[in-house]
Amino acid sequence: FFPMGVWGVVRDADFTHHPLYNLFKNVYGQFVVGAEEF
């Protein structure tokens, strides 16, 4: 799930790409710098 502000930037991304965050960073300038997992 993505906030609409983020989605407006990454909507055309190739979501088959793995790992996804590398694509977000290198192509769309969206950096994931931390996360919590449960």
ModelCIF file with pLDDT and N, C-alpha, C, O atoms, coordinates in Angstrom:
data_MODEL
#
_entry.id   MODEL 
#
_entity.id                         1 
_entity.type                       polymer 
_entity.pdbx_number_of_molecules   1 
#
_entity_poly.entity_id                      1 
_entity_poly.type                           'polypeptide(L)' 
_entity_poly.nstd_linkage                   no 
_entity_poly.nstd_monomer                   no 
_entity_poly.pdbx_seq_one_letter_code       FFPMGVWGVVRDADFTHHPLYNLFKNVYGQFVVGAEEF 
_entity_poly.pdbx_seq_one_letter_code_can   FFPMGVWGVVRDADFTHHPLYNLFKNVYGQFVVGAEEF 
_entity_poly.pdbx_strand_id                 A 
#
loop_
_entity_poly_seq.entity_id 
_entity_poly_seq.num 
_entity_poly_seq.mon_id 
_entity_poly_seq.hetero 
1 1  PHE n 
1 2  PHE n 
1 3  PRO n 
1 4  MET n 
1 5  GLY n 
1 6  VAL n 
1 7  TRP n 
1 8  GLY n 
1 9  VAL n 
1 10 VAL n 
1 11 ARG n 
1 12 ASP n 
1 13 ALA n 
1 14 ASP n 
1 15 PHE n 
1 16 THR n 
1 17 HIS n 
1 18 HIS n 
1 19 PRO n 
1 20 LEU n 
1 21 TYR n 
1 22 ASN n 
1 23 LEU n 
1 24 PHE n 
1 25 LYS n 
1 26 ASN n 
1 27 VAL n 
1 28 TYR n 
1 29 GLY n 
1 30 GLN n 
1 31 PHE n 
1 32 VAL n 
1 33 VAL n 
1 34 GLY n 
1 35 ALA n 
1 36 GLU n 
1 37 GLU n 
1 38 PHE n 
#
_struct_asym.id          A 
_struct_asym.entity_id   1 
#
loop_
_ma_qa_metric.id 
_ma_qa_metric.mode 
_ma_qa_metric.name 
_ma_qa_metric.software_group_id 
_ma_qa_metric.type 
1 global pLDDT . pLDDT 
2 local  pLDDT . pLDDT 
#
_ma_qa_metric_global.metric_id      1 
_ma_qa_metric_global.metric_value   88.97 
_ma_qa_metric_global.model_id       1 
_ma_qa_metric_global.ordinal_id     1 
#
loop_
_ma_qa_metric_local.label_asym_id 
_ma_qa_metric_local.label_comp_id 
_ma_qa_metric_local.label_seq_id 
_ma_qa_metric_local.metric_id 
_ma_qa_metric_local.metric_value 
_ma_qa_metric_local.model_id 
_ma_qa_metric_local.ordinal_id 
A PHE 1  2 98.00 1 1  
A PHE 2  2 97.00 1 2  
A PRO 3  2 97.00 1 3  
A MET 4  2 97.00 1 4  
A GLY 5  2 96.00 1 5  
A VAL 6  2 96.00 1 6  
A TRP 7  2 97.00 1 7  
A GLY 8  2 96.00 1 8  
A VAL 9  2 94.00 1 9  
A VAL 10 2 95.00 1 10 
A ARG 11 2 94.00 1 11 
A ASP 12 2 94.00 1 12 
A ALA 13 2 93.00 1 13 
A ASP 14 2 94.00 1 14 
A PHE 15 2 94.00 1 15 
A THR 16 2 92.00 1 16 
A HIS 17 2 86.00 1 17 
A HIS 18 2 78.00 1 18 
A PRO 19 2 79.00 1 19 
A LEU 20 2 87.00 1 20 
A TYR 21 2 85.00 1 21 
A ASN 22 2 80.00 1 22 
A LEU 23 2 85.00 1 23 
A PHE 24 2 88.00 1 24 
A LYS 25 2 80.00 1 25 
A ASN 26 2 78.00 1 26 
A VAL 27 2 86.00 1 27 
A TYR 28 2 85.00 1 28 
A GLY 29 2 82.00 1 29 
A GLN 30 2 84.00 1 30 
A PHE 31 2 83.00 1 31 
A VAL 32 2 85.00 1 32 
A VAL 33 2 81.00 1 33 
A GLY 34 2 82.00 1 34 
A ALA 35 2 87.00 1 35 
A GLU 36 2 91.00 1 36 
A GLU 37 2 92.00 1 37 
A PHE 38 2 93.00 1 38 
#
loop_
_atom_site.group_PDB 
_atom_site.id 
_atom_site.type_symbol 
_atom_site.label_atom_id 
_atom_site.label_alt_id 
_atom_site.label_comp_id 
_atom_site.label_asym_id 
_atom_site.label_entity_id 
_atom_site.label_seq_id 
_atom_site.pdbx_PDB_ins_code 
_atom_site.Cartn_x 
_atom_site.Cartn_y 
_atom_site.Cartn_z 
_atom_site.occupancy 
_atom_site.B_iso_or_equiv 
_atom_site.pdbx_formal_charge 
_atom_site.auth_seq_id 
_atom_site.auth_comp_id 
_atom_site.auth_asym_id 
_atom_site.auth_atom_id 
_atom_site.pdbx_PDB_model_num 
ATOM 1   N N  . PHE A 1 1  ? 0.854  -1.184 0.000   1.00 98.00 ? 1  PHE A N  1 
ATOM 2   C CA . PHE A 1 1  ? 0.000  0.000  0.000   1.00 98.00 ? 1  PHE A CA 1 
ATOM 3   C C  . PHE A 1 1  ? 0.897  1.243  0.000   1.00 98.00 ? 1  PHE A C  1 
ATOM 4   O O  . PHE A 1 1  ? 1.913  1.287  0.693   1.00 98.00 ? 1  PHE A O  1 
ATOM 5   N N  . PHE A 1 2  ? 0.504  2.255  -0.790  1.00 97.00 ? 2  PHE A N  1 
ATOM 6   C CA . PHE A 1 2  ? 1.311  3.468  -0.930  1.00 97.00 ? 2  PHE A CA 1 
ATOM 7   C C  . PHE A 1 2  ? 0.442  4.705  -0.739  1.00 97.00 ? 2  PHE A C  1 
ATOM 8   O O  . PHE A 1 2  ? -0.685 4.750  -1.232  1.00 97.00 ? 2  PHE A O  1 
ATOM 9   N N  . PRO A 1 3  ? 0.957  5.717  -0.022  1.00 97.00 ? 3  PRO A N  1 
ATOM 10  C CA . PRO A 1 3  ? 0.248  7.000  0.009   1.00 97.00 ? 3  PRO A CA 1 
ATOM 11  C C  . PRO A 1 3  ? 0.125  7.548  -1.409  1.00 97.00 ? 3  PRO A C  1 
ATOM 12  O O  . PRO A 1 3  ? 0.968  7.267  -2.260  1.00 97.00 ? 3  PRO A O  1 
ATOM 13  N N  . MET A 1 4  ? -0.908 8.319  -1.662  1.00 97.00 ? 4  MET A N  1 
ATOM 14  C CA . MET A 1 4  ? -1.143 8.787  -3.021  1.00 97.00 ? 4  MET A CA 1 
ATOM 15  C C  . MET A 1 4  ? -0.009 9.687  -3.516  1.00 97.00 ? 4  MET A C  1 
ATOM 16  O O  . MET A 1 4  ? 0.281  9.711  -4.712  1.00 97.00 ? 4  MET A O  1 
ATOM 17  N N  . GLY A 1 5  ? 0.642  10.435 -2.600  1.00 96.00 ? 5  GLY A N  1 
ATOM 18  C CA . GLY A 1 5  ? 1.772  11.260 -3.018  1.00 96.00 ? 5  GLY A CA 1 
ATOM 19  C C  . GLY A 1 5  ? 2.921  10.436 -3.550  1.00 96.00 ? 5  GLY A C  1 
ATOM 20  O O  . GLY A 1 5  ? 3.562  10.821 -4.527  1.00 96.00 ? 5  GLY A O  1 
ATOM 21  N N  . VAL A 1 6  ? 3.191  9.298  -2.916  1.00 96.00 ? 6  VAL A N  1 
ATOM 22  C CA . VAL A 1 6  ? 4.237  8.390  -3.383  1.00 96.00 ? 6  VAL A CA 1 
ATOM 23  C C  . VAL A 1 6  ? 3.782  7.703  -4.677  1.00 96.00 ? 6  VAL A C  1 
ATOM 24  O O  . VAL A 1 6  ? 4.555  7.570  -5.625  1.00 96.00 ? 6  VAL A O  1 
ATOM 25  N N  . TRP A 1 7  ? 2.538  7.279  -4.698  1.00 97.00 ? 7  TRP A N  1 
ATOM 26  C CA . TRP A 1 7  ? 2.014  6.578  -5.871  1.00 97.00 ? 7  TRP A CA 1 
ATOM 27  C C  . TRP A 1 7  ? 2.095  7.450  -7.120  1.00 97.00 ? 7  TRP A C  1 
ATOM 28  O O  . TRP A 1 7  ? 2.348  6.943  -8.213  1.00 97.00 ? 7  TRP A O  1 
ATOM 29  N N  . GLY A 1 8  ? 1.883  8.757  -6.969  1.00 96.00 ? 8  GLY A N  1 
ATOM 30  C CA . GLY A 1 8  ? 1.978  9.653  -8.115  1.00 96.00 ? 8  GLY A CA 1 
ATOM 31  C C  . GLY A 1 8  ? 3.349  9.638  -8.758  1.00 96.00 ? 8  GLY A C  1 
ATOM 32  O O  . GLY A 1 8  ? 3.487  9.960  -9.938  1.00 96.00 ? 8  GLY A O  1 
ATOM 33  N N  . VAL A 1 9  ? 4.381  9.263  -7.980  1.00 94.00 ? 9  VAL A N  1 
ATOM 34  C CA . VAL A 1 9  ? 5.752  9.211  -8.494  1.00 94.00 ? 9  VAL A CA 1 
ATOM 35  C C  . VAL A 1 9  ? 6.087  7.834  -9.060  1.00 94.00 ? 9  VAL A C  1 
ATOM 36  O O  . VAL A 1 9  ? 6.751  7.735  -10.091 1.00 94.00 ? 9  VAL A O  1 
ATOM 37  N N  . VAL A 1 10 ? 5.629  6.761  -8.387  1.00 95.00 ? 10 VAL A N  1 
ATOM 38  C CA . VAL A 1 10 ? 6.101  5.407  -8.729  1.00 95.00 ? 10 VAL A CA 1 
ATOM 39  C C  . VAL A 1 10 ? 5.074  4.569  -9.481  1.00 95.00 ? 10 VAL A C  1 
ATOM 40  O O  . VAL A 1 10 ? 5.325  3.392  -9.738  1.00 95.00 ? 10 VAL A O  1 
ATOM 41  N N  . ARG A 1 11 ? 3.940  5.130  -9.836  1.00 94.00 ? 11 ARG A N  1 
ATOM 42  C CA . ARG A 1 11 ? 2.865  4.308  -10.420 1.00 94.00 ? 11 ARG A CA 1 
ATOM 43  C C  . ARG A 1 11 ? 3.292  3.543  -11.670 1.00 94.00 ? 11 ARG A C  1 
ATOM 44  O O  . ARG A 1 11 ? 2.752  2.474  -11.955 1.00 94.00 ? 11 ARG A O  1 
ATOM 45  N N  . ASP A 1 12 ? 4.255  4.081  -12.418 1.00 94.00 ? 12 ASP A N  1 
ATOM 46  C CA . ASP A 1 12 ? 4.689  3.409  -13.651 1.00 94.00 ? 12 ASP A CA 1 
ATOM 47  C C  . ASP A 1 12 ? 5.866  2.466  -13.425 1.00 94.00 ? 12 ASP A C  1 
ATOM 48  O O  . ASP A 1 12 ? 6.441  1.956  -14.387 1.00 94.00 ? 12 ASP A O  1 
ATOM 49  N N  . ALA A 1 13 ? 6.228  2.231  -12.178 1.00 93.00 ? 13 ALA A N  1 
ATOM 50  C CA . ALA A 1 13 ? 7.362  1.350  -11.877 1.00 93.00 ? 13 ALA A CA 1 
ATOM 51  C C  . ALA A 1 13 ? 7.063  -0.083 -12.295 1.00 93.00 ? 13 ALA A C  1 
ATOM 52  O O  . ALA A 1 13 ? 5.907  -0.500 -12.360 1.00 93.00 ? 13 ALA A O  1 
ATOM 53  N N  . ASP A 1 14 ? 8.122  -0.820 -12.574 1.00 94.00 ? 14 ASP A N  1 
ATOM 54  C CA . ASP A 1 14 ? 8.006  -2.250 -12.869 1.00 94.00 ? 14 ASP A CA 1 
ATOM 55  C C  . ASP A 1 14 ? 7.985  -2.991 -11.526 1.00 94.00 ? 14 ASP A C  1 
ATOM 56  O O  . ASP A 1 14 ? 9.036  -3.247 -10.939 1.00 94.00 ? 14 ASP A O  1 
ATOM 57  N N  . PHE A 1 15 ? 6.803  -3.329 -11.051 1.00 94.00 ? 15 PHE A N  1 
ATOM 58  C CA . PHE A 1 15 ? 6.664  -3.930 -9.728  1.00 94.00 ? 15 PHE A CA 1 
ATOM 59  C C  . PHE A 1 15 ? 7.061  -5.408 -9.697  1.00 94.00 ? 15 PHE A C  1 
ATOM 60  O O  . PHE A 1 15 ? 6.957  -6.061 -8.659  1.00 94.00 ? 15 PHE A O  1 
ATOM 61  N N  . THR A 1 16 ? 7.511  -5.925 -10.831 1.00 92.00 ? 16 THR A N  1 
ATOM 62  C CA . THR A 1 16 ? 8.105  -7.261 -10.805 1.00 92.00 ? 16 THR A CA 1 
ATOM 63  C C  . THR A 1 16 ? 9.567  -7.192 -10.386 1.00 92.00 ? 16 THR A C  1 
ATOM 64  O O  . THR A 1 16 ? 10.188 -8.221 -10.117 1.00 92.00 ? 16 THR A O  1 
ATOM 65  N N  . HIS A 1 17 ? 10.117 -5.982 -10.329 1.00 86.00 ? 17 HIS A N  1 
ATOM 66  C CA . HIS A 1 17 ? 11.543 -5.794 -10.012 1.00 86.00 ? 17 HIS A CA 1 
ATOM 67  C C  . HIS A 1 17 ? 11.814 -6.234 -8.573  1.00 86.00 ? 17 HIS A C  1 
ATOM 68  O O  . HIS A 1 17 ? 11.000 -6.012 -7.677  1.00 86.00 ? 17 HIS A O  1 
ATOM 69  N N  . HIS A 1 18 ? 12.984 -6.866 -8.370  1.00 78.00 ? 18 HIS A N  1 
ATOM 70  C CA . HIS A 1 18 ? 13.385 -7.299 -7.026  1.00 78.00 ? 18 HIS A CA 1 
ATOM 71  C C  . HIS A 1 18 ? 14.882 -7.056 -6.857  1.00 78.00 ? 18 HIS A C  1 
ATOM 72  O O  . HIS A 1 18 ? 15.671 -7.526 -7.677  1.00 78.00 ? 18 HIS A O  1 
ATOM 73  N N  . PRO A 1 19 ? 15.301 -6.317 -5.791  1.00 79.00 ? 19 PRO A N  1 
ATOM 74  C CA . PRO A 1 19 ? 14.454 -5.716 -4.757  1.00 79.00 ? 19 PRO A CA 1 
ATOM 75  C C  . PRO A 1 19 ? 13.826 -4.399 -5.221  1.00 79.00 ? 19 PRO A C  1 
ATOM 76  O O  . PRO A 1 19 ? 14.459 -3.612 -5.926  1.00 79.00 ? 19 PRO A O  1 
ATOM 77  N N  . LEU A 1 20 ? 12.601 -4.177 -4.823  1.00 87.00 ? 20 LEU A N  1 
ATOM 78  C CA . LEU A 1 20 ? 11.811 -3.047 -5.301  1.00 87.00 ? 20 LEU A CA 1 
ATOM 79  C C  . LEU A 1 20 ? 12.414 -1.706 -4.878  1.00 87.00 ? 20 LEU A C  1 
ATOM 80  O O  . LEU A 1 20 ? 12.387 -0.744 -5.646  1.00 87.00 ? 20 LEU A O  1 
ATOM 81  N N  . TYR A 1 21 ? 12.956 -1.640 -3.665  1.00 85.00 ? 21 TYR A N  1 
ATOM 82  C CA . TYR A 1 21 ? 13.428 -0.350 -3.168  1.00 85.00 ? 21 TYR A CA 1 
ATOM 83  C C  . TYR A 1 21 ? 14.632 0.165  -3.957  1.00 85.00 ? 21 TYR A C  1 
ATOM 84  O O  . TYR A 1 21 ? 14.829 1.377  -4.046  1.00 85.00 ? 21 TYR A O  1 
ATOM 85  N N  . ASN A 1 22 ? 15.427 -0.715 -4.519  1.00 80.00 ? 22 ASN A N  1 
ATOM 86  C CA . ASN A 1 22 ? 16.531 -0.257 -5.368  1.00 80.00 ? 22 ASN A CA 1 
ATOM 87  C C  . ASN A 1 22 ? 15.997 0.471  -6.596  1.00 80.00 ? 22 ASN A C  1 
ATOM 88  O O  . ASN A 1 22 ? 16.554 1.482  -7.022  1.00 80.00 ? 22 ASN A O  1 
ATOM 89  N N  . LEU A 1 23 ? 14.916 -0.053 -7.157  1.00 85.00 ? 23 LEU A N  1 
ATOM 90  C CA . LEU A 1 23 ? 14.281 0.608  -8.303  1.00 85.00 ? 23 LEU A CA 1 
ATOM 91  C C  . LEU A 1 23 ? 13.717 1.957  -7.890  1.00 85.00 ? 23 LEU A C  1 
ATOM 92  O O  . LEU A 1 23 ? 13.907 2.950  -8.592  1.00 85.00 ? 23 LEU A O  1 
ATOM 93  N N  . PHE A 1 24 ? 13.028 2.004  -6.762  1.00 88.00 ? 24 PHE A N  1 
ATOM 94  C CA . PHE A 1 24 ? 12.474 3.268  -6.281  1.00 88.00 ? 24 PHE A CA 1 
ATOM 95  C C  . PHE A 1 24 ? 13.572 4.317  -6.128  1.00 88.00 ? 24 PHE A C  1 
ATOM 96  O O  . PHE A 1 24 ? 13.391 5.472  -6.511  1.00 88.00 ? 24 PHE A O  1 
ATOM 97  N N  . LYS A 1 25 ? 14.717 3.910  -5.563  1.00 80.00 ? 25 LYS A N  1 
ATOM 98  C CA . LYS A 1 25 ? 15.810 4.845  -5.302  1.00 80.00 ? 25 LYS A CA 1 
ATOM 99  C C  . LYS A 1 25 ? 16.476 5.300  -6.599  1.00 80.00 ? 25 LYS A C  1 
ATOM 100 O O  . LYS A 1 25 ? 16.657 6.497  -6.820  1.00 80.00 ? 25 LYS A O  1 
ATOM 101 N N  . ASN A 1 26 ? 16.839 4.349  -7.450  1.00 78.00 ? 26 ASN A N  1 
ATOM 102 C CA . ASN A 1 26 ? 17.666 4.658  -8.617  1.00 78.00 ? 26 ASN A CA 1 
ATOM 103 C C  . ASN A 1 26 ? 16.897 5.315  -9.749  1.00 78.00 ? 26 ASN A C  1 
ATOM 104 O O  . ASN A 1 26 ? 17.464 6.096  -10.513 1.00 78.00 ? 26 ASN A O  1 
ATOM 105 N N  . VAL A 1 27 ? 15.609 5.008  -9.864  1.00 86.00 ? 27 VAL A N  1 
ATOM 106 C CA . VAL A 1 27 ? 14.827 5.522  -10.997 1.00 86.00 ? 27 VAL A CA 1 
ATOM 107 C C  . VAL A 1 27 ? 13.878 6.644  -10.581 1.00 86.00 ? 27 VAL A C  1 
ATOM 108 O O  . VAL A 1 27 ? 13.670 7.594  -11.336 1.00 86.00 ? 27 VAL A O  1 
ATOM 109 N N  . TYR A 1 28 ? 13.304 6.537  -9.386  1.00 85.00 ? 28 TYR A N  1 
ATOM 110 C CA . TYR A 1 28 ? 12.239 7.469  -8.996  1.00 85.00 ? 28 TYR A CA 1 
ATOM 111 C C  . TYR A 1 28 ? 12.630 8.405  -7.848  1.00 85.00 ? 28 TYR A C  1 
ATOM 112 O O  . TYR A 1 28 ? 11.832 9.252  -7.447  1.00 85.00 ? 28 TYR A O  1 
ATOM 113 N N  . GLY A 1 29 ? 13.842 8.260  -7.318  1.00 82.00 ? 29 GLY A N  1 
ATOM 114 C CA . GLY A 1 29 ? 14.278 9.158  -6.260  1.00 82.00 ? 29 GLY A CA 1 
ATOM 115 C C  . GLY A 1 29 ? 13.516 9.010  -4.960  1.00 82.00 ? 29 GLY A C  1 
ATOM 116 O O  . GLY A 1 29 ? 13.467 9.943  -4.158  1.00 82.00 ? 29 GLY A O  1 
ATOM 117 N N  . GLN A 1 30 ? 12.918 7.846  -4.741  1.00 84.00 ? 30 GLN A N  1 
ATOM 118 C CA . GLN A 1 30 ? 12.188 7.564  -3.501  1.00 84.00 ? 30 GLN A CA 1 
ATOM 119 C C  . GLN A 1 30 ? 13.053 6.650  -2.631  1.00 84.00 ? 30 GLN A C  1 
ATOM 120 O O  . GLN A 1 30 ? 13.267 5.486  -2.970  1.00 84.00 ? 30 GLN A O  1 
ATOM 121 N N  . PHE A 1 31 ? 13.545 7.174  -1.523  1.00 83.00 ? 31 PHE A N  1 
ATOM 122 C CA . PHE A 1 31 ? 14.492 6.447  -0.683  1.00 83.00 ? 31 PHE A CA 1 
ATOM 123 C C  . PHE A 1 31 ? 13.775 5.850  0.520   1.00 83.00 ? 31 PHE A C  1 
ATOM 124 O O  . PHE A 1 31 ? 13.084 6.556  1.255   1.00 83.00 ? 31 PHE A O  1 
ATOM 125 N N  . VAL A 1 32 ? 13.944 4.548  0.716   1.00 85.00 ? 32 VAL A N  1 
ATOM 126 C CA . VAL A 1 32 ? 13.516 3.904  1.952   1.00 85.00 ? 32 VAL A CA 1 
ATOM 127 C C  . VAL A 1 32 ? 14.752 3.815  2.842   1.00 85.00 ? 32 VAL A C  1 
ATOM 128 O O  . VAL A 1 32 ? 15.707 3.109  2.519   1.00 85.00 ? 32 VAL A O  1 
ATOM 129 N N  . VAL A 1 33 ? 14.729 4.535  3.968   1.00 81.00 ? 33 VAL A N  1 
ATOM 130 C CA . VAL A 1 33 ? 15.910 4.590  4.833   1.00 81.00 ? 33 VAL A CA 1 
ATOM 131 C C  . VAL A 1 33 ? 15.736 3.788  6.118   1.00 81.00 ? 33 VAL A C  1 
ATOM 132 O O  . VAL A 1 33 ? 16.675 3.668  6.904   1.00 81.00 ? 33 VAL A O  1 
ATOM 133 N N  . GLY A 1 34 ? 14.554 3.244  6.335   1.00 82.00 ? 34 GLY A N  1 
ATOM 134 C CA . GLY A 1 34 ? 14.335 2.424  7.527   1.00 82.00 ? 34 GLY A CA 1 
ATOM 135 C C  . GLY A 1 34 ? 12.960 1.782  7.476   1.00 82.00 ? 34 GLY A C  1 
ATOM 136 O O  . GLY A 1 34 ? 12.078 2.231  6.744   1.00 82.00 ? 34 GLY A O  1 
ATOM 137 N N  . ALA A 1 35 ? 12.792 0.739  8.252   1.00 87.00 ? 35 ALA A N  1 
ATOM 138 C CA . ALA A 1 35 ? 11.508 0.045  8.282   1.00 87.00 ? 35 ALA A CA 1 
ATOM 139 C C  . ALA A 1 35 ? 11.374 -0.728 9.587   1.00 87.00 ? 35 ALA A C  1 
ATOM 140 O O  . ALA A 1 35 ? 12.368 -1.122 10.197  1.00 87.00 ? 35 ALA A O  1 
ATOM 141 N N  . GLU A 1 36 ? 10.145 -0.937 9.998   1.00 91.00 ? 36 GLU A N  1 
ATOM 142 C CA . GLU A 1 36 ? 9.824  -1.841 11.098  1.00 91.00 ? 36 GLU A CA 1 
ATOM 143 C C  . GLU A 1 36 ? 9.056  -3.020 10.531  1.00 91.00 ? 36 GLU A C  1 
ATOM 144 O O  . GLU A 1 36 ? 8.173  -2.846 9.691   1.00 91.00 ? 36 GLU A O  1 
ATOM 145 N N  . GLU A 1 37 ? 9.384  -4.203 10.982  1.00 92.00 ? 37 GLU A N  1 
ATOM 146 C CA . GLU A 1 37 ? 8.673  -5.395 10.540  1.00 92.00 ? 37 GLU A CA 1 
ATOM 147 C C  . GLU A 1 37 ? 8.164  -6.180 11.745  1.00 92.00 ? 37 GLU A C  1 
ATOM 148 O O  . GLU A 1 37 ? 8.811  -6.247 12.790  1.00 92.00 ? 37 GLU A O  1 
ATOM 149 N N  . PHE A 1 38 ? 6.995  -6.764 11.568  1.00 93.00 ? 38 PHE A N  1 
ATOM 150 C CA . PHE A 1 38 ? 6.357  -7.556 12.609  1.00 93.00 ? 38 PHE A CA 1 
ATOM 151 C C  . PHE A 1 38 ? 5.973  -8.906 12.015  1.00 93.00 ? 38 PHE A C  1 
ATOM 152 O O  . PHE A 1 38 ? 5.414  -9.752 12.713  1.00 93.00 ? 38 PHE A O  1 
#
